[in-house]
Amino acid sequence: MTKEMKERFNVSISGTGDKRIVFVHGFASNKKTWDWVLPDFTDHYQVMTFDLMGSGQSDLTYYTKEKYQVIDGYSDDLIELCDSYGWKNVLCVGHSVGGLIALLTSVKRPDLFEKIFTIGASVHYINDEDYYGGFTRNDIDQILEMMEMNYSGWASFLAPVALPTSVDAAKSQYIEDEFLKSDPEITYTFLKVTLLMDYRQLLSRVTVPVVILQCSEDSFVPLEVAEYMRDHIQDSQLHVMDAKGHYPHVSHPQETIDAIKAYL
């Protein structure tokens, strides 16, 4: 079973120690985005990284639009993955929608995670009367339309927004390259699911301790979202980083490492 799961999700496990950490990457990304932070954990932890279905080197024969048109599809995969390897009561670090996947998984199976670290996660991207998500519905529609009309143009536009060239031009190009490697149709479905979902009601059901890591400036997820999550998750802490952008584990790996270790 673990061999099948390894091939299906391109699973890698490294490191030593009694404690375990599973890292969940975000949208239009893959497990390699954790490479800048992993070496600082493998001396004392067993570390699992993997590719979400439809991303990286995951086995696309398992992908169905029906399953993955909701975030629950990815959450169910994470549960199956942890069960297959016998990983319970572990630490989980999730970036962006990977953080939401971790939260949703913990509600379904609170025995799996001892603590969750979210990095730039959001439960809802669209502004509401008493909620600031960072985007209007028209903004979302324009992003999706741009993606449909010109995928490479969309990647070139969005990558420097996600990781500003002023922060690190080479790594901003890396993010763009990763966007371009992704399957356009699968990536469009994943983005639409991510941007239109609303999981605000989920937060009150999260019982696992959560550390919310948030960049000081993030064009995708404003600080107000992180504060909202902190205020609605019963056992949570908010840590605001000096880093700017949406990929601090890529652009500011040492600060990300230090932030995680401060709460271990």
Protein backbone atom coordinates (compact mmCIF):
# COMPACT_ATOMS: atom_id res chain seq x y z
CA MET A 1 0.00 0.00 0.00
CA THR A 2 2.78 2.45 0.88
CA LYS A 3 4.47 1.70 -2.47
CA GLU A 4 1.27 2.61 -4.28
CA MET A 5 0.89 5.79 -2.24
CA LYS A 6 4.54 6.70 -2.81
CA GLU A 7 4.05 6.46 -6.56
CA ARG A 8 0.64 8.12 -6.57
CA PHE A 9 1.77 11.18 -4.62
CA ASN A 10 5.53 11.13 -5.26
CA VAL A 11 6.16 10.73 -1.53
CA SER A 12 9.57 11.36 0.02
CA ILE A 13 10.45 10.59 3.63
CA SER A 14 13.77 11.64 5.11
CA GLY A 15 15.36 12.44 8.45
CA THR A 16 15.64 10.75 11.81
CA GLY A 17 13.99 11.10 15.19
CA ASP A 18 10.85 10.13 17.05
CA LYS A 19 8.88 13.20 15.97
CA ARG A 20 7.38 13.50 12.50
CA ILE A 21 6.43 16.43 10.26
CA VAL A 22 4.35 16.31 7.08
CA PHE A 23 4.68 19.29 4.73
CA VAL A 24 1.77 20.16 2.39
CA HIS A 25 2.54 22.49 -0.52
CA GLY A 26 0.15 25.01 -2.02
CA PHE A 27 -1.51 25.76 -5.35
CA ALA A 28 0.41 25.29 -8.65
CA SER A 29 3.40 24.10 -6.70
CA ASN A 30 5.05 20.85 -5.64
CA LYS A 31 7.04 19.29 -2.83
CA LYS A 32 10.33 20.82 -4.08
CA THR A 33 9.29 24.24 -2.76
CA TRP A 34 10.11 22.89 0.73
CA ASP A 35 13.72 22.13 -0.21
CA TRP A 36 14.98 25.42 1.24
CA VAL A 37 13.70 24.60 4.74
CA LEU A 38 13.84 20.78 5.02
CA PRO A 39 17.54 20.38 5.91
CA ASP A 40 16.99 22.23 9.19
CA PHE A 41 14.46 19.63 10.36
CA THR A 42 15.80 16.28 9.17
CA ASP A 43 18.37 15.92 11.99
CA HIS A 44 15.65 15.68 14.62
CA TYR A 45 12.47 14.80 12.71
CA GLN A 46 11.22 12.33 10.18
CA VAL A 47 9.91 14.51 7.38
CA MET A 48 7.35 13.66 4.71
CA THR A 49 6.84 15.70 1.55
CA PHE A 50 4.56 14.79 -1.34
CA ASP A 51 2.84 16.24 -4.40
CA LEU A 52 -0.86 17.01 -4.18
CA MET A 53 -2.86 15.19 -6.83
CA GLY A 54 -2.52 17.03 -10.13
CA SER A 55 0.70 18.73 -9.04
CA GLY A 56 4.37 17.94 -9.51
CA GLN A 57 5.05 14.29 -10.23
CA SER A 58 1.77 12.94 -8.86
CA ASP A 59 0.19 10.15 -10.89
CA LEU A 60 -2.46 11.89 -12.99
CA THR A 61 -4.24 8.61 -13.74
CA TYR A 62 -5.77 9.03 -10.28
CA TYR A 63 -7.02 12.54 -11.00
CA THR A 64 -10.73 13.08 -11.55
CA LYS A 65 -12.35 16.49 -11.88
CA GLU A 66 -15.31 15.29 -9.82
CA LYS A 67 -13.18 14.46 -6.78
CA TYR A 68 -10.93 17.51 -6.91
CA GLN A 69 -13.52 20.18 -7.61
CA VAL A 70 -13.73 20.55 -3.83
CA ILE A 71 -10.94 20.88 -1.24
CA ASP A 72 -12.27 17.76 0.48
CA GLY A 73 -10.72 15.64 -2.28
CA TYR A 74 -7.24 16.77 -1.28
CA SER A 75 -8.05 16.42 2.41
CA ASP A 76 -9.21 12.83 1.91
CA ASP A 77 -5.91 12.12 0.14
CA LEU A 78 -3.95 13.46 3.11
CA ILE A 79 -5.92 11.22 5.46
CA GLU A 80 -5.29 8.21 3.24
CA LEU A 81 -1.62 9.09 3.00
CA CYS A 82 -1.15 9.40 6.78
CA ASP A 83 -3.08 6.19 7.42
CA SER A 84 -1.08 4.31 4.81
CA TYR A 85 2.21 5.21 6.48
CA GLY A 86 0.83 4.91 10.00
CA TRP A 87 1.53 8.56 10.80
CA LYS A 88 -0.58 9.89 13.68
CA ASN A 89 -0.21 12.74 16.16
CA VAL A 90 2.36 14.39 13.87
CA LEU A 91 3.18 18.00 13.10
CA CYS A 92 1.79 19.41 9.86
CA VAL A 93 3.04 22.45 7.95
CA GLY A 94 0.78 23.66 5.14
CA HIS A 95 1.41 26.50 2.71
CA SER A 96 -1.48 28.52 1.28
CA VAL A 97 -4.30 26.12 0.32
CA GLY A 98 -2.13 23.37 1.81
CA GLY A 99 -2.77 25.02 5.18
CA LEU A 100 -6.51 24.89 4.59
CA ILE A 101 -6.21 21.23 3.56
CA ALA A 102 -4.45 20.56 6.87
CA LEU A 103 -7.17 22.35 8.88
CA LEU A 104 -9.94 20.48 7.10
CA THR A 105 -8.11 17.19 7.64
CA SER A 106 -7.78 17.89 11.36
CA VAL A 107 -11.54 18.39 11.68
CA LYS A 108 -12.20 15.06 9.99
CA ARG A 109 -9.41 13.27 11.85
CA PRO A 110 -8.11 15.18 14.89
CA ASP A 111 -5.94 12.18 15.83
CA LEU A 112 -3.61 12.77 12.89
CA PHE A 113 -2.05 16.09 13.89
CA GLU A 114 -0.49 17.26 17.12
CA LYS A 115 -0.14 20.80 15.84
CA ILE A 116 -0.65 22.61 12.53
CA PHE A 117 1.44 25.43 11.08
CA THR A 118 -0.26 27.39 8.30
CA ILE A 119 1.77 29.69 6.04
CA GLY A 120 -0.22 32.30 4.11
CA ALA A 121 -3.44 30.31 4.38
CA SER A 122 -6.93 31.66 3.74
CA VAL A 123 -10.40 30.29 4.36
CA HIS A 124 -12.11 32.74 1.99
CA TYR A 125 -10.66 35.11 -0.63
CA ILE A 126 -13.70 37.25 -1.43
CA ASN A 127 -14.65 40.34 0.54
CA ASP A 128 -17.92 40.16 2.45
CA GLU A 129 -19.90 42.70 4.50
CA ASP A 130 -17.97 41.98 7.69
CA TYR A 131 -14.99 40.16 6.23
CA TYR A 132 -11.97 41.30 4.20
CA GLY A 133 -10.56 38.51 2.04
CA GLY A 134 -8.49 40.69 -0.26
CA PHE A 135 -10.47 40.28 -3.51
CA THR A 136 -13.82 41.23 -4.99
CA ARG A 137 -15.74 38.65 -7.01
CA ASN A 138 -14.89 40.70 -10.10
CA ASP A 139 -11.18 40.43 -9.25
CA ILE A 140 -11.50 36.64 -9.07
CA ASP A 141 -13.39 36.47 -12.36
CA GLN A 142 -10.69 38.52 -14.09
CA ILE A 143 -7.89 36.27 -12.76
CA LEU A 144 -9.72 33.16 -13.96
CA GLU A 145 -10.51 34.72 -17.33
CA MET A 146 -6.87 35.71 -17.81
CA MET A 147 -5.83 32.16 -17.00
CA GLU A 148 -8.25 30.70 -19.54
CA MET A 149 -7.23 33.10 -22.30
CA ASN A 150 -3.45 33.10 -21.86
CA TYR A 151 -1.97 30.61 -19.37
CA SER A 152 1.65 31.66 -19.85
CA GLY A 153 0.68 35.32 -19.60
CA TRP A 154 -1.23 34.56 -16.42
CA ALA A 155 1.85 32.83 -14.95
CA SER A 156 4.10 35.74 -15.91
CA PHE A 157 1.69 38.21 -14.33
CA LEU A 158 0.97 36.32 -11.11
CA ALA A 159 4.42 34.98 -10.19
CA PRO A 160 5.96 38.38 -9.33
CA VAL A 161 2.82 39.18 -7.35
CA ALA A 162 3.24 35.99 -5.35
CA LEU A 163 6.98 36.47 -4.88
CA PRO A 164 8.02 40.02 -5.82
CA THR A 165 11.10 40.40 -8.00
CA SER A 166 12.21 43.15 -5.60
CA VAL A 167 12.51 40.46 -2.92
CA ASP A 168 14.36 37.89 -5.04
CA ALA A 169 14.23 38.01 -8.84
CA ALA A 170 15.68 34.51 -9.31
CA LYS A 171 13.18 32.90 -6.96
CA SER A 172 10.32 34.88 -8.50
CA GLN A 173 11.34 33.34 -11.83
CA TYR A 174 11.42 29.94 -10.11
CA ILE A 175 7.79 30.39 -9.04
CA GLU A 176 6.81 31.37 -12.59
CA ASP A 177 8.57 28.30 -13.95
CA GLU A 178 6.68 26.09 -11.50
CA PHE A 179 3.39 27.67 -12.59
CA LEU A 180 4.24 26.93 -16.21
CA LYS A 181 5.09 23.29 -15.47
CA SER A 182 1.60 22.70 -14.08
CA ASP A 183 -1.14 21.21 -16.24
CA PRO A 184 -3.25 24.22 -17.35
CA GLU A 185 -6.65 22.50 -17.11
CA ILE A 186 -6.00 20.93 -13.71
CA THR A 187 -4.43 24.14 -12.43
CA TYR A 188 -7.44 26.18 -13.58
CA THR A 189 -9.83 23.86 -11.73
CA PHE A 190 -7.66 23.97 -8.60
CA LEU A 191 -7.42 27.76 -8.70
CA LYS A 192 -11.17 28.18 -9.21
CA VAL A 193 -11.90 25.84 -6.31
CA THR A 194 -9.40 27.68 -4.11
CA LEU A 195 -10.52 31.22 -4.88
CA LEU A 196 -14.26 30.59 -4.69
CA MET A 197 -14.36 28.36 -1.61
CA ASP A 198 -15.63 29.57 1.77
CA TYR A 199 -14.48 27.60 4.81
CA ARG A 200 -14.99 30.27 7.46
CA GLN A 201 -17.45 28.03 9.32
CA LEU A 202 -14.75 25.37 9.56
CA LEU A 203 -12.58 27.35 11.96
CA SER A 204 -14.75 26.90 15.06
CA ARG A 205 -14.51 23.13 14.59
CA VAL A 206 -10.71 23.03 14.61
CA THR A 207 -9.54 21.60 17.95
CA VAL A 208 -5.87 20.99 17.12
CA PRO A 209 -3.44 23.78 18.15
CA VAL A 210 -2.65 26.02 15.17
CA VAL A 211 0.21 28.45 14.55
CA ILE A 212 -0.66 30.94 11.81
CA LEU A 213 2.45 32.22 10.03
CA GLN A 214 1.71 35.32 8.00
CA CYS A 215 3.95 37.55 5.90
CA SER A 216 3.89 41.25 6.74
CA GLU A 217 2.84 41.93 3.15
CA ASP A 218 1.08 39.27 1.09
CA SER A 219 -0.80 40.29 -2.06
CA PHE A 220 -2.84 37.07 -1.98
CA VAL A 221 -3.70 36.87 1.72
CA PRO A 222 -3.98 40.12 3.69
CA LEU A 223 -3.16 40.27 7.41
CA GLU A 224 -6.89 40.68 8.14
CA VAL A 225 -7.46 37.07 7.02
CA ALA A 226 -4.79 35.76 9.39
CA GLU A 227 -6.30 37.79 12.22
CA TYR A 228 -9.75 36.43 11.40
CA MET A 229 -8.41 32.88 11.54
CA ARG A 230 -6.70 33.56 14.87
CA ASP A 231 -9.91 34.99 16.32
CA HIS A 232 -12.01 32.01 15.21
CA ILE A 233 -9.71 29.05 15.94
CA GLN A 234 -9.94 28.33 19.64
CA ASP A 235 -6.31 27.28 20.19
CA SER A 236 -4.30 29.42 17.80
CA GLN A 237 -1.43 31.88 17.70
CA LEU A 238 -0.57 34.41 15.02
CA HIS A 239 3.06 35.03 14.09
CA VAL A 240 3.63 37.90 11.66
CA MET A 241 6.87 37.57 9.74
CA ASP A 242 9.05 40.34 8.35
CA ALA A 243 9.05 38.51 5.02
CA LYS A 244 7.05 39.91 2.12
CA GLY A 245 5.25 37.90 -0.53
CA HIS A 246 3.31 34.64 -0.50
CA TYR A 247 6.18 32.13 -0.47
CA PRO A 248 8.33 32.88 2.61
CA HIS A 249 9.66 29.30 2.72
CA VAL A 250 11.17 30.01 -0.71
CA SER A 251 12.10 33.70 -0.42
CA HIS A 252 12.94 33.79 3.32
CA PRO A 253 13.71 30.21 4.35
CA GLN A 254 15.69 31.02 7.49
CA GLU A 255 12.96 33.27 8.91
CA THR A 256 10.41 30.57 8.10
CA ILE A 257 12.54 27.92 9.82
CA ASP A 258 12.99 30.11 12.90
CA ALA A 259 9.27 30.89 13.04
CA ILE A 260 8.31 27.21 12.95
CA LYS A 261 10.96 26.18 15.48
CA ALA A 262 9.82 28.87 17.89
CA TYR A 263 6.56 26.95 18.39
CA LEU A 264 7.82 23.37 18.38
